[in-house]
Amino acid sequence: NIDIMTEEQEAKLRTEEYNSRTQLFMN
């Protein structure tokens, strides 16, 4: 299953995942 994204979209996705995990560990 292939998902195509641009560099900007990939950076935004990784940032959202990073922030989500950060908040999970804080709580």
mmCIF file of all heavy atoms, coordinates in Angstrom:
data_MODEL
# 
_entry.id   MODEL 
# 
loop_
_atom_site.group_PDB 
_atom_site.id 
_atom_site.type_symbol 
_atom_site.label_atom_id 
_atom_site.label_alt_id 
_atom_site.label_comp_id 
_atom_site.label_asym_id 
_atom_site.label_entity_id 
_atom_site.label_seq_id 
_atom_site.pdbx_PDB_ins_code 
_atom_site.Cartn_x 
_atom_site.Cartn_y 
_atom_site.Cartn_z 
_atom_site.occupancy 
_atom_site.B_iso_or_equiv 
_atom_site.pdbx_formal_charge 
_atom_site.auth_seq_id 
_atom_site.auth_comp_id 
_atom_site.auth_asym_id 
_atom_site.auth_atom_id 
_atom_site.pdbx_PDB_model_num 
ATOM 1   N N   . ASN A 1 1  ? 0.862  -1.184 0.000  1.00 0.00 ? 1  ASN A N   1 
ATOM 2   C CA  . ASN A 1 1  ? 0.000  0.000  0.000  1.00 0.00 ? 1  ASN A CA  1 
ATOM 3   C C   . ASN A 1 1  ? 0.899  1.236  0.000  1.00 0.00 ? 1  ASN A C   1 
ATOM 4   O O   . ASN A 1 1  ? 1.698  1.419  0.917  1.00 0.00 ? 1  ASN A O   1 
ATOM 5   C CB  . ASN A 1 1  ? -0.915 0.009  1.227  1.00 0.00 ? 1  ASN A CB  1 
ATOM 6   C CG  . ASN A 1 1  ? -1.881 -1.144 1.229  1.00 0.00 ? 1  ASN A CG  1 
ATOM 7   O OD1 . ASN A 1 1  ? -2.448 -1.479 0.205  1.00 0.00 ? 1  ASN A OD1 1 
ATOM 8   N ND2 . ASN A 1 1  ? -2.070 -1.770 2.382  1.00 0.00 ? 1  ASN A ND2 1 
ATOM 9   N N   . ILE A 1 2  ? 0.773  2.063  -1.014 1.00 0.00 ? 2  ILE A N   1 
ATOM 10  C CA  . ILE A 1 2  ? 1.682  3.188  -1.192 1.00 0.00 ? 2  ILE A CA  1 
ATOM 11  C C   . ILE A 1 2  ? 0.958  4.511  -0.941 1.00 0.00 ? 2  ILE A C   1 
ATOM 12  O O   . ILE A 1 2  ? -0.105 4.761  -1.536 1.00 0.00 ? 2  ILE A O   1 
ATOM 13  C CB  . ILE A 1 2  ? 2.288  3.186  -2.615 1.00 0.00 ? 2  ILE A CB  1 
ATOM 14  C CG1 . ILE A 1 2  ? 3.038  1.873  -2.870 1.00 0.00 ? 2  ILE A CG1 1 
ATOM 15  C CG2 . ILE A 1 2  ? 3.210  4.378  -2.810 1.00 0.00 ? 2  ILE A CG2 1 
ATOM 16  C CD1 . ILE A 1 2  ? 3.575  1.735  -4.285 1.00 0.00 ? 2  ILE A CD1 1 
ATOM 17  N N   . ASP A 1 3  ? 1.516  5.331  -0.064 1.00 0.00 ? 3  ASP A N   1 
ATOM 18  C CA  . ASP A 1 3  ? 1.016  6.687  0.184  1.00 0.00 ? 3  ASP A CA  1 
ATOM 19  C C   . ASP A 1 3  ? 2.044  7.675  -0.353 1.00 0.00 ? 3  ASP A C   1 
ATOM 20  O O   . ASP A 1 3  ? 3.223  7.623  0.029  1.00 0.00 ? 3  ASP A O   1 
ATOM 21  C CB  . ASP A 1 3  ? 0.799  6.928  1.683  1.00 0.00 ? 3  ASP A CB  1 
ATOM 22  C CG  . ASP A 1 3  ? -0.343 6.094  2.238  1.00 0.00 ? 3  ASP A CG  1 
ATOM 23  O OD1 . ASP A 1 3  ? -1.279 5.807  1.472  1.00 0.00 ? 3  ASP A OD1 1 
ATOM 24  O OD2 . ASP A 1 3  ? -0.294 5.718  3.424  1.00 0.00 ? 3  ASP A OD2 1 
ATOM 25  N N   . ILE A 1 4  ? 1.599  8.569  -1.221 1.00 0.00 ? 4  ILE A N   1 
ATOM 26  C CA  . ILE A 1 4  ? 2.492  9.564  -1.818 1.00 0.00 ? 4  ILE A CA  1 
ATOM 27  C C   . ILE A 1 4  ? 2.308  10.894 -1.107 1.00 0.00 ? 4  ILE A C   1 
ATOM 28  O O   . ILE A 1 4  ? 1.179  11.328 -0.858 1.00 0.00 ? 4  ILE A O   1 
ATOM 29  C CB  . ILE A 1 4  ? 2.197  9.748  -3.324 1.00 0.00 ? 4  ILE A CB  1 
ATOM 30  C CG1 . ILE A 1 4  ? 2.236  8.409  -4.056 1.00 0.00 ? 4  ILE A CG1 1 
ATOM 31  C CG2 . ILE A 1 4  ? 3.181  10.722 -3.945 1.00 0.00 ? 4  ILE A CG2 1 
ATOM 32  C CD1 . ILE A 1 4  ? 3.588  7.801  -4.200 1.00 0.00 ? 4  ILE A CD1 1 
ATOM 33  N N   . MET A 1 5  ? 3.412  11.560 -0.778 1.00 0.00 ? 5  MET A N   1 
ATOM 34  C CA  . MET A 1 5  ? 3.341  12.880 -0.153 1.00 0.00 ? 5  MET A CA  1 
ATOM 35  C C   . MET A 1 5  ? 4.560  13.703 -0.552 1.00 0.00 ? 5  MET A C   1 
ATOM 36  O O   . MET A 1 5  ? 5.600  13.157 -0.937 1.00 0.00 ? 5  MET A O   1 
ATOM 37  C CB  . MET A 1 5  ? 3.266  12.745 1.373  1.00 0.00 ? 5  MET A CB  1 
ATOM 38  C CG  . MET A 1 5  ? 4.476  12.108 2.025  1.00 0.00 ? 5  MET A CG  1 
ATOM 39  S SD  . MET A 1 5  ? 4.236  11.834 3.792  1.00 0.00 ? 5  MET A SD  1 
ATOM 40  C CE  . MET A 1 5  ? 3.152  10.410 3.753  1.00 0.00 ? 5  MET A CE  1 
ATOM 41  N N   . THR A 1 6  ? 4.384  15.025 -0.431 1.00 0.00 ? 6  THR A N   1 
ATOM 42  C CA  . THR A 1 6  ? 5.508  15.922 -0.713 1.00 0.00 ? 6  THR A CA  1 
ATOM 43  C C   . THR A 1 6  ? 6.376  16.047 0.538  1.00 0.00 ? 6  THR A C   1 
ATOM 44  O O   . THR A 1 6  ? 6.004  15.598 1.627  1.00 0.00 ? 6  THR A O   1 
ATOM 45  C CB  . THR A 1 6  ? 5.004  17.304 -1.123 1.00 0.00 ? 6  THR A CB  1 
ATOM 46  O OG1 . THR A 1 6  ? 4.276  17.885 -0.026 1.00 0.00 ? 6  THR A OG1 1 
ATOM 47  C CG2 . THR A 1 6  ? 4.094  17.211 -2.339 1.00 0.00 ? 6  THR A CG2 1 
ATOM 48  N N   . GLU A 1 7  ? 7.527  16.699 0.364  1.00 0.00 ? 7  GLU A N   1 
ATOM 49  C CA  . GLU A 1 7  ? 8.423  16.915 1.504  1.00 0.00 ? 7  GLU A CA  1 
ATOM 50  C C   . GLU A 1 7  ? 7.730  17.732 2.581  1.00 0.00 ? 7  GLU A C   1 
ATOM 51  O O   . GLU A 1 7  ? 7.875  17.460 3.781  1.00 0.00 ? 7  GLU A O   1 
ATOM 52  C CB  . GLU A 1 7  ? 9.698  17.624 1.034  1.00 0.00 ? 7  GLU A CB  1 
ATOM 53  C CG  . GLU A 1 7  ? 10.571 16.767 0.123  1.00 0.00 ? 7  GLU A CG  1 
ATOM 54  C CD  . GLU A 1 7  ? 11.767 17.529 -0.391 1.00 0.00 ? 7  GLU A CD  1 
ATOM 55  O OE1 . GLU A 1 7  ? 11.583 18.334 -1.323 1.00 0.00 ? 7  GLU A OE1 1 
ATOM 56  O OE2 . GLU A 1 7  ? 12.885 17.317 0.128  1.00 0.00 ? 7  GLU A OE2 1 
ATOM 57  N N   . GLU A 1 8  ? 6.974  18.737 2.160  1.00 0.00 ? 8  GLU A N   1 
ATOM 58  C CA  . GLU A 1 8  ? 6.263  19.588 3.119  1.00 0.00 ? 8  GLU A CA  1 
ATOM 59  C C   . GLU A 1 8  ? 5.210  18.790 3.877  1.00 0.00 ? 8  GLU A C   1 
ATOM 60  O O   . GLU A 1 8  ? 5.078  18.916 5.102  1.00 0.00 ? 8  GLU A O   1 
ATOM 61  C CB  . GLU A 1 8  ? 5.618  20.764 2.384  1.00 0.00 ? 8  GLU A CB  1 
ATOM 62  C CG  . GLU A 1 8  ? 4.894  21.748 3.299  1.00 0.00 ? 8  GLU A CG  1 
ATOM 63  C CD  . GLU A 1 8  ? 4.249  22.886 2.546  1.00 0.00 ? 8  GLU A CD  1 
ATOM 64  O OE1 . GLU A 1 8  ? 4.561  23.065 1.347  1.00 0.00 ? 8  GLU A OE1 1 
ATOM 65  O OE2 . GLU A 1 8  ? 3.424  23.594 3.143  1.00 0.00 ? 8  GLU A OE2 1 
ATOM 66  N N   . GLN A 1 9  ? 4.444  17.961 3.155  1.00 0.00 ? 9  GLN A N   1 
ATOM 67  C CA  . GLN A 1 9  ? 3.422  17.136 3.795  1.00 0.00 ? 9  GLN A CA  1 
ATOM 68  C C   . GLN A 1 9  ? 4.056  16.120 4.736  1.00 0.00 ? 9  GLN A C   1 
ATOM 69  O O   . GLN A 1 9  ? 3.527  15.869 5.824  1.00 0.00 ? 9  GLN A O   1 
ATOM 70  C CB  . GLN A 1 9  ? 2.598  16.407 2.725  1.00 0.00 ? 9  GLN A CB  1 
ATOM 71  C CG  . GLN A 1 9  ? 1.718  17.314 1.894  1.00 0.00 ? 9  GLN A CG  1 
ATOM 72  C CD  . GLN A 1 9  ? 1.097  16.586 0.715  1.00 0.00 ? 9  GLN A CD  1 
ATOM 73  O OE1 . GLN A 1 9  ? 1.658  15.607 0.208  1.00 0.00 ? 9  GLN A OE1 1 
ATOM 74  N NE2 . GLN A 1 9  ? -0.058 17.053 0.262  1.00 0.00 ? 9  GLN A NE2 1 
ATOM 75  N N   . GLU A 1 10 ? 5.182  15.557 4.334  1.00 0.00 ? 10 GLU A N   1 
ATOM 76  C CA  . GLU A 1 10 ? 5.860  14.576 5.171  1.00 0.00 ? 10 GLU A CA  1 
ATOM 77  C C   . GLU A 1 10 ? 6.390  15.219 6.449  1.00 0.00 ? 10 GLU A C   1 
ATOM 78  O O   . GLU A 1 10 ? 6.270  14.655 7.542  1.00 0.00 ? 10 GLU A O   1 
ATOM 79  C CB  . GLU A 1 10 ? 7.018  13.960 4.381  1.00 0.00 ? 10 GLU A CB  1 
ATOM 80  C CG  . GLU A 1 10 ? 7.593  12.695 5.004  1.00 0.00 ? 10 GLU A CG  1 
ATOM 81  C CD  . GLU A 1 10 ? 8.903  12.918 5.706  1.00 0.00 ? 10 GLU A CD  1 
ATOM 82  O OE1 . GLU A 1 10 ? 9.467  14.004 5.533  1.00 0.00 ? 10 GLU A OE1 1 
ATOM 83  O OE2 . GLU A 1 10 ? 9.359  12.014 6.433  1.00 0.00 ? 10 GLU A OE2 1 
ATOM 84  N N   . ALA A 1 11 ? 6.958  16.435 6.324  1.00 0.00 ? 11 ALA A N   1 
ATOM 85  C CA  . ALA A 1 11 ? 7.467  17.141 7.496  1.00 0.00 ? 11 ALA A CA  1 
ATOM 86  C C   . ALA A 1 11 ? 6.328  17.473 8.458  1.00 0.00 ? 11 ALA A C   1 
ATOM 87  O O   . ALA A 1 11 ? 6.469  17.330 9.685  1.00 0.00 ? 11 ALA A O   1 
ATOM 88  C CB  . ALA A 1 11 ? 8.176  18.417 7.059  1.00 0.00 ? 11 ALA A CB  1 
ATOM 89  N N   . LYS A 1 12 ? 5.185  17.877 7.911  1.00 0.00 ? 12 LYS A N   1 
ATOM 90  C CA  . LYS A 1 12 ? 4.027  18.203 8.751  1.00 0.00 ? 12 LYS A CA  1 
ATOM 91  C C   . LYS A 1 12 ? 3.514  16.964 9.467  1.00 0.00 ? 12 LYS A C   1 
ATOM 92  O O   . LYS A 1 12 ? 3.184  17.001 10.661 1.00 0.00 ? 12 LYS A O   1 
ATOM 93  C CB  . LYS A 1 12 ? 2.924  18.812 7.880  1.00 0.00 ? 12 LYS A CB  1 
ATOM 94  C CG  . LYS A 1 12 ? 1.699  19.258 8.657  1.00 0.00 ? 12 LYS A CG  1 
ATOM 95  C CD  . LYS A 1 12 ? 0.647  19.863 7.729  1.00 0.00 ? 12 LYS A CD  1 
ATOM 96  C CE  . LYS A 1 12 ? -0.589 20.286 8.517  1.00 0.00 ? 12 LYS A CE  1 
ATOM 97  N NZ  . LYS A 1 12 ? -1.638 20.853 7.609  1.00 0.00 ? 12 LYS A NZ  1 
ATOM 98  N N   . LEU A 1 13 ? 3.469  15.829 8.734  1.00 0.00 ? 13 LEU A N   1 
ATOM 99  C CA  . LEU A 1 13 ? 2.987  14.575 9.323  1.00 0.00 ? 13 LEU A CA  1 
ATOM 100 C C   . LEU A 1 13 ? 3.907  14.113 10.443 1.00 0.00 ? 13 LEU A C   1 
ATOM 101 O O   . LEU A 1 13 ? 3.437  13.723 11.525 1.00 0.00 ? 13 LEU A O   1 
ATOM 102 C CB  . LEU A 1 13 ? 2.908  13.498 8.236  1.00 0.00 ? 13 LEU A CB  1 
ATOM 103 C CG  . LEU A 1 13 ? 2.483  12.092 8.691  1.00 0.00 ? 13 LEU A CG  1 
ATOM 104 C CD1 . LEU A 1 13 ? 1.075  12.118 9.246  1.00 0.00 ? 13 LEU A CD1 1 
ATOM 105 C CD2 . LEU A 1 13 ? 2.597  11.095 7.539  1.00 0.00 ? 13 LEU A CD2 1 
ATOM 106 N N   . ARG A 1 14 ? 5.218  14.170 10.192 1.00 0.00 ? 14 ARG A N   1 
ATOM 107 C CA  . ARG A 1 14 ? 6.166  13.740 11.221 1.00 0.00 ? 14 ARG A CA  1 
ATOM 108 C C   . ARG A 1 14 ? 6.084  14.642 12.445 1.00 0.00 ? 14 ARG A C   1 
ATOM 109 O O   . ARG A 1 14 ? 6.202  14.171 13.585 1.00 0.00 ? 14 ARG A O   1 
ATOM 110 C CB  . ARG A 1 14 ? 7.598  13.743 10.671 1.00 0.00 ? 14 ARG A CB  1 
ATOM 111 C CG  . ARG A 1 14 ? 7.818  12.839 9.464  1.00 0.00 ? 14 ARG A CG  1 
ATOM 112 C CD  . ARG A 1 14 ? 7.396  11.402 9.724  1.00 0.00 ? 14 ARG A CD  1 
ATOM 113 N NE  . ARG A 1 14 ? 7.457  10.606 8.509  1.00 0.00 ? 14 ARG A NE  1 
ATOM 114 C CZ  . ARG A 1 14 ? 6.702  9.572  8.248  1.00 0.00 ? 14 ARG A CZ  1 
ATOM 115 N NH1 . ARG A 1 14 ? 5.797  9.179  9.144  1.00 0.00 ? 14 ARG A NH1 1 
ATOM 116 N NH2 . ARG A 1 14 ? 6.813  8.905  7.123  1.00 0.00 ? 14 ARG A NH2 1 
ATOM 117 N N   . THR A 1 15 ? 5.876  15.942 12.218 1.00 0.00 ? 15 THR A N   1 
ATOM 118 C CA  . THR A 1 15 ? 5.756  16.876 13.343 1.00 0.00 ? 15 THR A CA  1 
ATOM 119 C C   . THR A 1 15 ? 4.526  16.561 14.180 1.00 0.00 ? 15 THR A C   1 
ATOM 120 O O   . THR A 1 15 ? 4.577  16.566 15.414 1.00 0.00 ? 15 THR A O   1 
ATOM 121 C CB  . THR A 1 15 ? 5.686  18.329 12.820 1.00 0.00 ? 15 THR A CB  1 
ATOM 122 O OG1 . THR A 1 15 ? 6.878  18.624 12.085 1.00 0.00 ? 15 THR A OG1 1 
ATOM 123 C CG2 . THR A 1 15 ? 5.543  19.315 13.965 1.00 0.00 ? 15 THR A CG2 1 
ATOM 124 N N   . GLU A 1 16 ? 3.421  16.268 13.501 1.00 0.00 ? 16 GLU A N   1 
ATOM 125 C CA  . GLU A 1 16 ? 2.189  15.931 14.230 1.00 0.00 ? 16 GLU A CA  1 
ATOM 126 C C   . GLU A 1 16 ? 2.369  14.652 15.035 1.00 0.00 ? 16 GLU A C   1 
ATOM 127 O O   . GLU A 1 16 ? 1.917  14.556 16.183 1.00 0.00 ? 16 GLU A O   1 
ATOM 128 C CB  . GLU A 1 16 ? 1.034  15.780 13.237 1.00 0.00 ? 16 GLU A CB  1 
ATOM 129 C CG  . GLU A 1 16 ? 0.591  17.099 12.602 1.00 0.00 ? 16 GLU A CG  1 
ATOM 130 C CD  . GLU A 1 16 ? -0.480 16.887 11.552 1.00 0.00 ? 16 GLU A CD  1 
ATOM 131 O OE1 . GLU A 1 16 ? -0.776 15.710 11.229 1.00 0.00 ? 16 GLU A OE1 1 
ATOM 132 O OE2 . GLU A 1 16 ? -1.022 17.888 11.050 1.00 0.00 ? 16 GLU A OE2 1 
ATOM 133 N N   . GLU A 1 17 ? 3.026  13.642 14.435 1.00 0.00 ? 17 GLU A N   1 
ATOM 134 C CA  . GLU A 1 17 ? 3.259  12.397 15.153 1.00 0.00 ? 17 GLU A CA  1 
ATOM 135 C C   . GLU A 1 17 ? 4.187  12.621 16.349 1.00 0.00 ? 17 GLU A C   1 
ATOM 136 O O   . GLU A 1 17 ? 3.962  12.076 17.434 1.00 0.00 ? 17 GLU A O   1 
ATOM 137 C CB  . GLU A 1 17 ? 3.880  11.358 14.206 1.00 0.00 ? 17 GLU A CB  1 
ATOM 138 C CG  . GLU A 1 17 ? 2.929  10.858 13.128 1.00 0.00 ? 17 GLU A CG  1 
ATOM 139 C CD  . GLU A 1 17 ? 3.610  9.891  12.181 1.00 0.00 ? 17 GLU A CD  1 
ATOM 140 O OE1 . GLU A 1 17 ? 4.862  9.761  12.266 1.00 0.00 ? 17 GLU A OE1 1 
ATOM 141 O OE2 . GLU A 1 17 ? 2.911  9.258  11.365 1.00 0.00 ? 17 GLU A OE2 1 
ATOM 142 N N   . TYR A 1 18 ? 5.214  13.444 16.140 1.00 0.00 ? 18 TYR A N   1 
ATOM 143 C CA  . TYR A 1 18 ? 6.172  13.750 17.209 1.00 0.00 ? 18 TYR A CA  1 
ATOM 144 C C   . TYR A 1 18 ? 5.481  14.473 18.367 1.00 0.00 ? 18 TYR A C   1 
ATOM 145 O O   . TYR A 1 18 ? 5.660  14.113 19.534 1.00 0.00 ? 18 TYR A O   1 
ATOM 146 C CB  . TYR A 1 18 ? 7.303  14.601 16.629 1.00 0.00 ? 18 TYR A CB  1 
ATOM 147 C CG  . TYR A 1 18 ? 8.298  15.115 17.635 1.00 0.00 ? 18 TYR A CG  1 
ATOM 148 C CD1 . TYR A 1 18 ? 9.252  14.272 18.190 1.00 0.00 ? 18 TYR A CD1 1 
ATOM 149 C CD2 . TYR A 1 18 ? 8.283  16.452 18.036 1.00 0.00 ? 18 TYR A CD2 1 
ATOM 150 C CE1 . TYR A 1 18 ? 10.179 14.743 19.111 1.00 0.00 ? 18 TYR A CE1 1 
ATOM 151 C CE2 . TYR A 1 18 ? 9.190  16.938 18.966 1.00 0.00 ? 18 TYR A CE2 1 
ATOM 152 C CZ  . TYR A 1 18 ? 10.136 16.078 19.492 1.00 0.00 ? 18 TYR A CZ  1 
ATOM 153 O OH  . TYR A 1 18 ? 11.048 16.543 20.406 1.00 0.00 ? 18 TYR A OH  1 
ATOM 154 N N   . ASN A 1 19 ? 4.652  15.445 18.040 1.00 0.00 ? 19 ASN A N   1 
ATOM 155 C CA  . ASN A 1 19 ? 3.935  16.196 19.082 1.00 0.00 ? 19 ASN A CA  1 
ATOM 156 C C   . ASN A 1 19 ? 2.938  15.304 19.809 1.00 0.00 ? 19 ASN A C   1 
ATOM 157 O O   . ASN A 1 19 ? 2.758  15.418 21.029 1.00 0.00 ? 19 ASN A O   1 
ATOM 158 C CB  . ASN A 1 19 ? 3.210  17.391 18.463 1.00 0.00 ? 19 ASN A CB  1 
ATOM 159 C CG  . ASN A 1 19 ? 4.166  18.460 17.952 1.00 0.00 ? 19 ASN A CG  1 
ATOM 160 O OD1 . ASN A 1 19 ? 5.307  18.537 18.417 1.00 0.00 ? 19 ASN A OD1 1 
ATOM 161 N ND2 . ASN A 1 19 ? 3.717  19.277 17.014 1.00 0.00 ? 19 ASN A ND2 1 
ATOM 162 N N   . SER A 1 20 ? 2.288  14.404 19.058 1.00 0.00 ? 20 SER A N   1 
ATOM 163 C CA  . SER A 1 20 ? 1.314  13.504 19.670 1.00 0.00 ? 20 SER A CA  1 
ATOM 164 C C   . SER A 1 20 ? 1.994  12.560 20.658 1.00 0.00 ? 20 SER A C   1 
ATOM 165 O O   . SER A 1 20 ? 1.495  12.334 21.771 1.00 0.00 ? 20 SER A O   1 
ATOM 166 C CB  . SER A 1 20 ? 0.597  12.706 18.573 1.00 0.00 ? 20 SER A CB  1 
ATOM 167 O OG  . SER A 1 20 ? -0.266 11.743 19.123 1.00 0.00 ? 20 SER A OG  1 
ATOM 168 N N   . ARG A 1 21 ? 3.148  11.994 20.268 1.00 0.00 ? 21 ARG A N   1 
ATOM 169 C CA  . ARG A 1 21 ? 3.872  11.100 21.166 1.00 0.00 ? 21 ARG A CA  1 
ATOM 170 C C   . ARG A 1 21 ? 4.419  11.855 22.378 1.00 0.00 ? 21 ARG A C   1 
ATOM 171 O O   . ARG A 1 21 ? 4.417  11.328 23.497 1.00 0.00 ? 21 ARG A O   1 
ATOM 172 C CB  . ARG A 1 21 ? 5.017  10.406 20.409 1.00 0.00 ? 21 ARG A CB  1 
ATOM 173 C CG  . ARG A 1 21 ? 4.555  9.431  19.348 1.00 0.00 ? 21 ARG A CG  1 
ATOM 174 C CD  . ARG A 1 21 ? 5.666  8.455  18.973 1.00 0.00 ? 21 ARG A CD  1 
ATOM 175 N NE  . ARG A 1 21 ? 6.848  9.135  18.484 1.00 0.00 ? 21 ARG A NE  1 
ATOM 176 C CZ  . ARG A 1 21 ? 7.085  9.430  17.223 1.00 0.00 ? 21 ARG A CZ  1 
ATOM 177 N NH1 . ARG A 1 21 ? 6.178  9.115  16.305 1.00 0.00 ? 21 ARG A NH1 1 
ATOM 178 N NH2 . ARG A 1 21 ? 8.202  10.037 16.857 1.00 0.00 ? 21 ARG A NH2 1 
ATOM 179 N N   . THR A 1 22 ? 4.878  13.067 22.152 1.00 0.00 ? 22 THR A N   1 
ATOM 180 C CA  . THR A 1 22 ? 5.388  13.887 23.261 1.00 0.00 ? 22 THR A CA  1 
ATOM 181 C C   . THR A 1 22 ? 4.302  14.117 24.292 1.00 0.00 ? 22 THR A C   1 
ATOM 182 O O   . THR A 1 22 ? 4.518  13.959 25.504 1.00 0.00 ? 22 THR A O   1 
ATOM 183 C CB  . THR A 1 22 ? 5.903  15.244 22.737 1.00 0.00 ? 22 THR A CB  1 
ATOM 184 O OG1 . THR A 1 22 ? 7.002  15.014 21.846 1.00 0.00 ? 22 THR A OG1 1 
ATOM 185 C CG2 . THR A 1 22 ? 6.377  16.125 23.879 1.00 0.00 ? 22 THR A CG2 1 
ATOM 186 N N   . GLN A 1 23 ? 3.112  14.465 23.827 1.00 0.00 ? 23 GLN A N   1 
ATOM 187 C CA  . GLN A 1 23 ? 1.998  14.720 24.745 1.00 0.00 ? 23 GLN A CA  1 
ATOM 188 C C   . GLN A 1 23 ? 1.591  13.440 25.481 1.00 0.00 ? 23 GLN A C   1 
ATOM 189 O O   . GLN A 1 23 ? 1.262  13.454 26.668 1.00 0.00 ? 23 GLN A O   1 
ATOM 190 C CB  . GLN A 1 23 ? 0.809  15.289 23.971 1.00 0.00 ? 23 GLN A CB  1 
ATOM 191 C CG  . GLN A 1 23 ? -0.305 15.850 24.838 1.00 0.00 ? 23 GLN A CG  1 
ATOM 192 C CD  . GLN A 1 23 ? 0.155  17.008 25.697 1.00 0.00 ? 23 GLN A CD  1 
ATOM 193 O OE1 . GLN A 1 23 ? 0.788  17.951 25.208 1.00 0.00 ? 23 GLN A OE1 1 
ATOM 194 N NE2 . GLN A 1 23 ? -0.134 16.953 26.994 1.00 0.00 ? 23 GLN A NE2 1 
ATOM 195 N N   . LEU A 1 24 ? 1.640  12.305 24.758 1.00 0.00 ? 24 LEU A N   1 
ATOM 196 C CA  . LEU A 1 24 ? 1.304  11.020 25.377 1.00 0.00 ? 24 LEU A CA  1 
ATOM 197 C C   . LEU A 1 24 ? 2.242  10.713 26.529 1.00 0.00 ? 24 LEU A C   1 
ATOM 198 O O   . LEU A 1 24 ? 1.795  10.338 27.629 1.00 0.00 ? 24 LEU A O   1 
ATOM 199 C CB  . LEU A 1 24 ? 1.390  9.914  24.322 1.00 0.00 ? 24 LEU A CB  1 
ATOM 200 C CG  . LEU A 1 24 ? 1.333  8.459  24.842 1.00 0.00 ? 24 LEU A CG  1 
ATOM 201 C CD1 . LEU A 1 24 ? -0.025 8.170  25.471 1.00 0.00 ? 24 LEU A CD1 1 
ATOM 202 C CD2 . LEU A 1 24 ? 1.646  7.458  23.727 1.00 0.00 ? 24 LEU A CD2 1 
ATOM 203 N N   . PHE A 1 25 ? 3.558  10.889 26.328 1.00 0.00 ? 25 PHE A N   1 
ATOM 204 C CA  . PHE A 1 25 ? 4.532  10.588 27.376 1.00 0.00 ? 25 PHE A CA  1 
ATOM 205 C C   . PHE A 1 25 ? 4.416  11.572 28.545 1.00 0.00 ? 25 PHE A C   1 
ATOM 206 O O   . PHE A 1 25 ? 4.576  11.184 29.706 1.00 0.00 ? 25 PHE A O   1 
ATOM 207 C CB  . PHE A 1 25 ? 5.948  10.606 26.808 1.00 0.00 ? 25 PHE A CB  1 
ATOM 208 C CG  . PHE A 1 25 ? 6.203  9.501  25.796 1.00 0.00 ? 25 PHE A CG  1 
ATOM 209 C CD1 . PHE A 1 25 ? 6.998  9.716  24.669 1.00 0.00 ? 25 PHE A CD1 1 
ATOM 210 C CD2 . PHE A 1 25 ? 5.643  8.242  25.959 1.00 0.00 ? 25 PHE A CD2 1 
ATOM 211 C CE1 . PHE A 1 25 ? 7.224  8.707  23.756 1.00 0.00 ? 25 PHE A CE1 1 
ATOM 212 C CE2 . PHE A 1 25 ? 5.866  7.233  25.057 1.00 0.00 ? 25 PHE A CE2 1 
ATOM 213 C CZ  . PHE A 1 25 ? 6.658  7.460  23.938 1.00 0.00 ? 25 PHE A CZ  1 
ATOM 214 N N   . MET A 1 26 ? 4.101  12.830 28.253 1.00 0.00 ? 26 MET A N   1 
ATOM 215 C CA  . MET A 1 26 ? 3.936  13.819 29.326 1.00 0.00 ? 26 MET A CA  1 
ATOM 216 C C   . MET A 1 26 ? 2.763  13.436 30.234 1.00 0.00 ? 26 MET A C   1 
ATOM 217 O O   . MET A 1 26 ? 2.862  13.495 31.467 1.00 0.00 ? 26 MET A O   1 
ATOM 218 C CB  . MET A 1 26 ? 3.706  15.210 28.735 1.00 0.00 ? 26 MET A CB  1 
ATOM 219 C CG  . MET A 1 26 ? 4.949  15.825 28.077 1.00 0.00 ? 26 MET A CG  1 
ATOM 220 S SD  . MET A 1 26 ? 4.594  17.380 27.229 1.00 0.00 ? 26 MET A SD  1 
ATOM 221 C CE  . MET A 1 26 ? 4.023  18.400 28.612 1.00 0.00 ? 26 MET A CE  1 
ATOM 222 N N   . ASN A 1 27 ? 1.657  13.006 29.617 1.00 0.00 ? 27 ASN A N   1 
ATOM 223 C CA  . ASN A 1 27 ? 0.460  12.674 30.402 1.00 0.00 ? 27 ASN A CA  1 
ATOM 224 C C   . ASN A 1 27 ? 0.607  11.337 31.127 1.00 0.00 ? 27 ASN A C   1 
ATOM 225 O O   . ASN A 1 27 ? 0.220  11.202 32.297 1.00 0.00 ? 27 ASN A O   1 
ATOM 226 C CB  . ASN A 1 27 ? -0.765 12.615 29.481 1.00 0.00 ? 27 ASN A CB  1 
ATOM 227 C CG  . ASN A 1 27 ? -1.095 13.960 28.861 1.00 0.00 ? 27 ASN A CG  1 
ATOM 228 O OD1 . ASN A 1 27 ? -0.724 15.011 29.419 1.00 0.00 ? 27 ASN A OD1 1 
ATOM 229 N ND2 . ASN A 1 27 ? -1.772 13.955 27.730 1.00 0.00 ? 27 ASN A ND2 1 
# 
